[in-house]
Amino acid sequence: MFAPIVVVFRRLMGDAKFVRLRGQAIALHAQIITKFCDRCGIDRTQRQSMIRLARDNGKKLGLLA
């Protein structure tokens, strides 16, 4: 779904810069999930499952192209 957009941005930015930006976005997303889980009292195991689910959904949507 988003793969063509991601591929265009990757070409425009260059691989190194794109990978760095993507890593920062993934880290920020994981921090947000962690804060949400801490606030809601969700344990570490469930939090890890949510992070894996976010990663898998990103792959399906083409965000990790």
PDB file of N, CA and C in Angstrom:
ATOM      1  N   MET A   1       0.826  -1.185   0.000  1.00  0.00           N
ATOM      2  CA  MET A   1       0.000   0.000   0.000  1.00  0.00           C
ATOM      3  C   MET A   1       0.880   1.262   0.000  1.00  0.00           C
ATOM      4  N   PHE A   2       1.796   1.358   0.952  1.00  0.00           N
ATOM      5  CA  PHE A   2       2.668   2.538   1.039  1.00  0.00           C
ATOM      6  C   PHE A   2       4.024   2.305   0.382  1.00  0.00           C
ATOM      7  N   ALA A   3       4.273   1.082  -0.067  1.00  0.00           N
ATOM      8  CA  ALA A   3       5.594   0.733  -0.590  1.00  0.00           C
ATOM      9  C   ALA A   3       6.087   1.676  -1.688  1.00  0.00           C
ATOM     10  N   PRO A   4       5.265   2.047  -2.665  1.00  0.00           N
ATOM     11  CA  PRO A   4       5.787   2.955  -3.700  1.00  0.00           C
ATOM     12  C   PRO A   4       6.254   4.294  -3.129  1.00  0.00           C
ATOM     13  N   ILE A   5       5.535   4.820  -2.157  1.00  0.00           N
ATOM     14  CA  ILE A   5       5.924   6.096  -1.537  1.00  0.00           C
ATOM     15  C   ILE A   5       7.243   5.929  -0.790  1.00  0.00           C
ATOM     16  N   VAL A   6       7.358   4.831  -0.069  1.00  0.00           N
ATOM     17  CA  VAL A   6       8.577   4.563   0.698  1.00  0.00           C
ATOM     18  C   VAL A   6       9.766   4.422  -0.240  1.00  0.00           C
ATOM     19  N   VAL A   7       9.579   3.720  -1.342  1.00  0.00           N
ATOM     20  CA  VAL A   7      10.666   3.519  -2.308  1.00  0.00           C
ATOM     21  C   VAL A   7      11.112   4.862  -2.895  1.00  0.00           C
ATOM     22  N   VAL A   8      10.170   5.735  -3.224  1.00  0.00           N
ATOM     23  CA  VAL A   8      10.512   7.056  -3.773  1.00  0.00           C
ATOM     24  C   VAL A   8      11.308   7.863  -2.749  1.00  0.00           C
ATOM     25  N   PHE A   9      10.835   7.893  -1.490  1.00  0.00           N
ATOM     26  CA  PHE A   9      11.561   8.629  -0.457  1.00  0.00           C
ATOM     27  C   PHE A   9      12.956   8.063  -0.243  1.00  0.00           C
ATOM     28  N   ARG A  10      13.065   6.742  -0.299  1.00  0.00           N
ATOM     29  CA  ARG A  10      14.380   6.113  -0.122  1.00  0.00           C
ATOM     30  C   ARG A  10      15.330   6.561  -1.222  1.00  0.00           C
ATOM     31  N   ARG A  11      14.840   6.619  -2.455  1.00  0.00           N
ATOM     32  CA  ARG A  11      15.686   7.061  -3.577  1.00  0.00           C
ATOM     33  C   ARG A  11      16.064   8.527  -3.453  1.00  0.00           C
ATOM     34  N   LEU A  12      15.108   9.356  -3.021  1.00  0.00           N
ATOM     35  CA  LEU A  12      15.379  10.784  -2.890  1.00  0.00           C
ATOM     36  C   LEU A  12      16.363  11.089  -1.758  1.00  0.00           C
ATOM     37  N   MET A  13      16.220  10.382  -0.651  1.00  0.00           N
ATOM     38  CA  MET A  13      17.043  10.648   0.537  1.00  0.00           C
ATOM     39  C   MET A  13      18.391   9.957   0.486  1.00  0.00           C
ATOM     40  N   GLY A  14      18.464   8.843  -0.204  1.00  0.00           N
ATOM     41  CA  GLY A  14      19.669   8.026  -0.168  1.00  0.00           C
ATOM     42  C   GLY A  14      19.520   6.969   0.917  1.00  0.00           C
ATOM     43  N   ASP A  15      20.141   5.831   0.706  1.00  0.00           N
ATOM     44  CA  ASP A  15      19.969   4.699   1.616  1.00  0.00           C
ATOM     45  C   ASP A  15      20.384   4.995   3.048  1.00  0.00           C
ATOM     46  N   ALA A  16      21.555   5.572   3.228  1.00  0.00           N
ATOM     47  CA  ALA A  16      22.069   5.784   4.592  1.00  0.00           C
ATOM     48  C   ALA A  16      21.157   6.700   5.408  1.00  0.00           C
ATOM     49  N   LYS A  17      20.769   7.810   4.818  1.00  0.00           N
ATOM     50  CA  LYS A  17      19.905   8.757   5.524  1.00  0.00           C
ATOM     51  C   LYS A  17      18.519   8.147   5.781  1.00  0.00           C
ATOM     52  N   PHE A  18      17.996   7.420   4.792  1.00  0.00           N
ATOM     53  CA  PHE A  18      16.685   6.793   4.932  1.00  0.00           C
ATOM     54  C   PHE A  18      16.692   5.749   6.053  1.00  0.00           C
ATOM     55  N   VAL A  19      17.714   4.907   6.082  1.00  0.00           N
ATOM     56  CA  VAL A  19      17.807   3.864   7.109  1.00  0.00           C
ATOM     57  C   VAL A  19      17.910   4.491   8.494  1.00  0.00           C
ATOM     58  N   ARG A  20      18.668   5.560   8.611  1.00  0.00           N
ATOM     59  CA  ARG A  20      18.808   6.266   9.890  1.00  0.00           C
ATOM     60  C   ARG A  20      17.460   6.855  10.334  1.00  0.00           C
ATOM     61  N   LEU A  21      16.766   7.498   9.417  1.00  0.00           N
ATOM     62  CA  LEU A  21      15.455   8.084   9.729  1.00  0.00           C
ATOM     63  C   LEU A  21      14.442   7.008  10.097  1.00  0.00           C
ATOM     64  N   ARG A  22      14.446   5.916   9.351  1.00  0.00           N
ATOM     65  CA  ARG A  22      13.519   4.811   9.640  1.00  0.00           C
ATOM     66  C   ARG A  22      13.813   4.216  11.017  1.00  0.00           C
ATOM     67  N   GLY A  23      15.078   4.068  11.356  1.00  0.00           N
ATOM     68  CA  GLY A  23      15.455   3.555  12.674  1.00  0.00           C
ATOM     69  C   GLY A  23      14.975   4.462  13.792  1.00  0.00           C
ATOM     70  N   GLN A  24      15.098   5.766  13.579  1.00  0.00           N
ATOM     71  CA  GLN A  24      14.621   6.725  14.579  1.00  0.00           C
ATOM     72  C   GLN A  24      13.105   6.646  14.727  1.00  0.00           C
ATOM     73  N   ALA A  25      12.401   6.498  13.614  1.00  0.00           N
ATOM     74  CA  ALA A  25      10.930   6.397  13.657  1.00  0.00           C
ATOM     75  C   ALA A  25      10.495   5.126  14.376  1.00  0.00           C
ATOM     76  N   ILE A  26      11.177   4.025  14.110  1.00  0.00           N
ATOM     77  CA  ILE A  26      10.846   2.756  14.762  1.00  0.00           C
ATOM     78  C   ILE A  26      11.104   2.856  16.261  1.00  0.00           C
ATOM     79  N   ALA A  27      12.233   3.458  16.649  1.00  0.00           N
ATOM     80  CA  ALA A  27      12.555   3.620  18.072  1.00  0.00           C
ATOM     81  C   ALA A  27      11.513   4.499  18.765  1.00  0.00           C
ATOM     82  N   LEU A  28      11.112   5.580  18.116  1.00  0.00           N
ATOM     83  CA  LEU A  28      10.098   6.467  18.683  1.00  0.00           C
ATOM     84  C   LEU A  28       8.768   5.733  18.849  1.00  0.00           C
ATOM     85  N   HIS A  29       8.400   4.940  17.864  1.00  0.00           N
ATOM     86  CA  HIS A  29       7.151   4.185  17.932  1.00  0.00           C
ATOM     87  C   HIS A  29       7.196   3.179  19.084  1.00  0.00           C
ATOM     88  N   ALA A  30       8.321   2.502  19.249  1.00  0.00           N
ATOM     89  CA  ALA A  30       8.468   1.550  20.353  1.00  0.00           C
ATOM     90  C   ALA A  30       8.369   2.263  21.706  1.00  0.00           C
ATOM     91  N   GLN A  31       8.941   3.470  21.802  1.00  0.00           N
ATOM     92  CA  GLN A  31       8.844   4.243  23.047  1.00  0.00           C
ATOM     93  C   GLN A  31       7.398   4.626  23.348  1.00  0.00           C
ATOM     94  N   ILE A  32       6.666   4.991  22.326  1.00  0.00           N
ATOM     95  CA  ILE A  32       5.259   5.350  22.516  1.00  0.00           C
ATOM     96  C   ILE A  32       4.463   4.138  22.990  1.00  0.00           C
ATOM     97  N   ILE A  33       4.721   2.984  22.386  1.00  0.00           N
ATOM     98  CA  ILE A  33       4.043   1.751  22.811  1.00  0.00           C
ATOM     99  C   ILE A  33       4.393   1.445  24.258  1.00  0.00           C
ATOM    100  N   THR A  34       5.661   1.595  24.629  1.00  0.00           N
ATOM    101  CA  THR A  34       6.102   1.329  26.002  1.00  0.00           C
ATOM    102  C   THR A  34       5.408   2.258  26.986  1.00  0.00           C
ATOM    103  N   LYS A  35       5.349   3.548  26.682  1.00  0.00           N
ATOM    104  CA  LYS A  35       4.678   4.504  27.571  1.00  0.00           C
ATOM    105  C   LYS A  35       3.201   4.171  27.713  1.00  0.00           C
ATOM    106  N   PHE A  36       2.565   3.814  26.621  1.00  0.00           N
ATOM    107  CA  PHE A  36       1.154   3.427  26.653  1.00  0.00           C
ATOM    108  C   PHE A  36       0.958   2.217  27.557  1.00  0.00           C
ATOM    109  N   CYS A  37       1.820   1.213  27.397  1.00  0.00           N
ATOM    110  CA  CYS A  37       1.713  -0.005  28.200  1.00  0.00           C
ATOM    111  C   CYS A  37       1.958   0.281  29.679  1.00  0.00           C
ATOM    112  N   ASP A  38       2.945   1.129  29.971  1.00  0.00           N
ATOM    113  CA  ASP A  38       3.220   1.494  31.366  1.00  0.00           C
ATOM    114  C   ASP A  38       2.014   2.198  31.979  1.00  0.00           C
ATOM    115  N   ARG A  39       1.410   3.091  31.220  1.00  0.00           N
ATOM    116  CA  ARG A  39       0.268   3.853  31.706  1.00  0.00           C
ATOM    117  C   ARG A  39      -0.952   2.962  31.940  1.00  0.00           C
ATOM    118  N   CYS A  40      -1.102   1.954  31.103  1.00  0.00           N
ATOM    119  CA  CYS A  40      -2.274   1.070  31.187  1.00  0.00           C
ATOM    120  C   CYS A  40      -2.019  -0.183  32.024  1.00  0.00           C
ATOM    121  N   GLY A  41      -0.796  -0.347  32.509  1.00  0.00           N
ATOM    122  CA  GLY A  41      -0.479  -1.507  33.336  1.00  0.00           C
ATOM    123  C   GLY A  41      -0.327  -2.804  32.540  1.00  0.00           C
ATOM    124  N   ILE A  42       0.069  -2.700  31.294  1.00  0.00           N
ATOM    125  CA  ILE A  42       0.267  -3.878  30.447  1.00  0.00           C
ATOM    126  C   ILE A  42       1.678  -4.402  30.685  1.00  0.00           C
ATOM    127  N   ASP A  43       1.793  -5.710  30.910  1.00  0.00           N
ATOM    128  CA  ASP A  43       3.100  -6.278  31.244  1.00  0.00           C
ATOM    129  C   ASP A  43       4.033  -6.356  30.031  1.00  0.00           C
ATOM    130  N   ARG A  44       5.285  -6.676  30.327  1.00  0.00           N
ATOM    131  CA  ARG A  44       6.351  -6.666  29.324  1.00  0.00           C
ATOM    132  C   ARG A  44       6.079  -7.630  28.171  1.00  0.00           C
ATOM    133  N   THR A  45       5.558  -8.811  28.486  1.00  0.00           N
ATOM    134  CA  THR A  45       5.295  -9.814  27.455  1.00  0.00           C
ATOM    135  C   THR A  45       4.256  -9.307  26.455  1.00  0.00           C
ATOM    136  N   GLN A  46       3.190  -8.738  26.962  1.00  0.00           N
ATOM    137  CA  GLN A  46       2.160  -8.200  26.072  1.00  0.00           C
ATOM    138  C   GLN A  46       2.690  -7.008  25.281  1.00  0.00           C
ATOM    139  N   ARG A  47       3.546  -6.195  25.921  1.00  0.00           N
ATOM    140  CA  ARG A  47       4.140  -5.055  25.233  1.00  0.00           C
ATOM    141  C   ARG A  47       4.991  -5.522  24.053  1.00  0.00           C
ATOM    142  N   GLN A  48       5.797  -6.553  24.274  1.00  0.00           N
ATOM    143  CA  GLN A  48       6.624  -7.088  23.192  1.00  0.00           C
ATOM    144  C   GLN A  48       5.756  -7.615  22.055  1.00  0.00           C
ATOM    145  N   SER A  49       4.642  -8.227  22.397  1.00  0.00           N
ATOM    146  CA  SER A  49       3.709  -8.695  21.371  1.00  0.00           C
ATOM    147  C   SER A  49       3.155  -7.540  20.564  1.00  0.00           C
ATOM    148  N   MET A  50       2.853  -6.426  21.228  1.00  0.00           N
ATOM    149  CA  MET A  50       2.338  -5.252  20.521  1.00  0.00           C
ATOM    150  C   MET A  50       3.398  -4.680  19.583  1.00  0.00           C
ATOM    151  N   ILE A  51       4.655  -4.652  20.024  1.00  0.00           N
ATOM    152  CA  ILE A  51       5.734  -4.140  19.184  1.00  0.00           C
ATOM    153  C   ILE A  51       5.931  -5.049  17.973  1.00  0.00           C
ATOM    154  N   ARG A  52       5.873  -6.365  18.179  1.00  0.00           N
ATOM    155  CA  ARG A  52       5.986  -7.308  17.053  1.00  0.00           C
ATOM    156  C   ARG A  52       4.818  -7.140  16.079  1.00  0.00           C
ATOM    157  N   LEU A  53       3.614  -6.946  16.626  1.00  0.00           N
ATOM    158  CA  LEU A  53       2.435  -6.747  15.789  1.00  0.00           C
ATOM    159  C   LEU A  53       2.590  -5.470  14.955  1.00  0.00           C
ATOM    160  N   ALA A  54       3.099  -4.403  15.558  1.00  0.00           N
ATOM    161  CA  ALA A  54       3.326  -3.148  14.821  1.00  0.00           C
ATOM    162  C   ALA A  54       4.332  -3.376  13.699  1.00  0.00           C
ATOM    163  N   ARG A  55       5.390  -4.127  13.977  1.00  0.00           N
ATOM    164  CA  ARG A  55       6.403  -4.428  12.953  1.00  0.00           C
ATOM    165  C   ARG A  55       5.784  -5.226  11.810  1.00  0.00           C
ATOM    166  N   ASP A  56       5.015  -6.253  12.156  1.00  0.00           N
ATOM    167  CA  ASP A  56       4.393  -7.089  11.130  1.00  0.00           C
ATOM    168  C   ASP A  56       3.387  -6.302  10.290  1.00  0.00           C
ATOM    169  N   ASN A  57       2.625  -5.430  10.939  1.00  0.00           N
ATOM    170  CA  ASN A  57       1.683  -4.590  10.192  1.00  0.00           C
ATOM    171  C   ASN A  57       2.418  -3.630   9.269  1.00  0.00           C
ATOM    172  N   GLY A  58       3.541  -3.102   9.732  1.00  0.00           N
ATOM    173  CA  GLY A  58       4.356  -2.224   8.892  1.00  0.00           C
ATOM    174  C   GLY A  58       4.852  -2.946   7.648  1.00  0.00           C
ATOM    175  N   LYS A  59       5.223  -4.201   7.809  1.00  0.00           N
ATOM    176  CA  LYS A  59       5.661  -4.994   6.658  1.00  0.00           C
ATOM    177  C   LYS A  59       4.507  -5.201   5.675  1.00  0.00           C
ATOM    178  N   LYS A  60       3.324  -5.535   6.211  1.00  0.00           N
ATOM    179  CA  LYS A  60       2.162  -5.784   5.349  1.00  0.00           C
ATOM    180  C   LYS A  60       1.744  -4.522   4.605  1.00  0.00           C
ATOM    181  N   LEU A  61       1.866  -3.377   5.255  1.00  0.00           N
ATOM    182  CA  LEU A  61       1.461  -2.112   4.638  1.00  0.00           C
ATOM    183  C   LEU A  61       2.531  -1.551   3.693  1.00  0.00           C
ATOM    184  N   GLY A  62       3.703  -2.139   3.719  1.00  0.00           N
ATOM    185  CA  GLY A  62       4.770  -1.674   2.829  1.00  0.00           C
ATOM    186  C   GLY A  62       5.592  -0.553   3.404  1.00  0.00           C
ATOM    187  N   LEU A  63       5.487  -0.310   4.711  1.00  0.00           N
ATOM    188  CA  LEU A  63       6.247   0.777   5.329  1.00  0.00           C
ATOM    189  C   LEU A  63       7.716   0.424   5.502  1.00  0.00           C
ATOM    190  N   LEU A  64       8.035  -0.857   5.450  1.00  0.00           N
ATOM    191  CA  LEU A  64       9.419  -1.282   5.630  1.00  0.00           C
ATOM    192  C   LEU A  64      10.062  -1.668   4.312  1.00  0.00           C
ATOM    193  N   ALA A  65       9.544  -1.151   3.214  1.00  0.00           N
ATOM    194  CA  ALA A  65      10.053  -1.497   1.878  1.00  0.00           C
ATOM    195  C   ALA A  65      11.466  -0.994   1.681  1.00  0.00           C
TER     196      ALA A  65
END
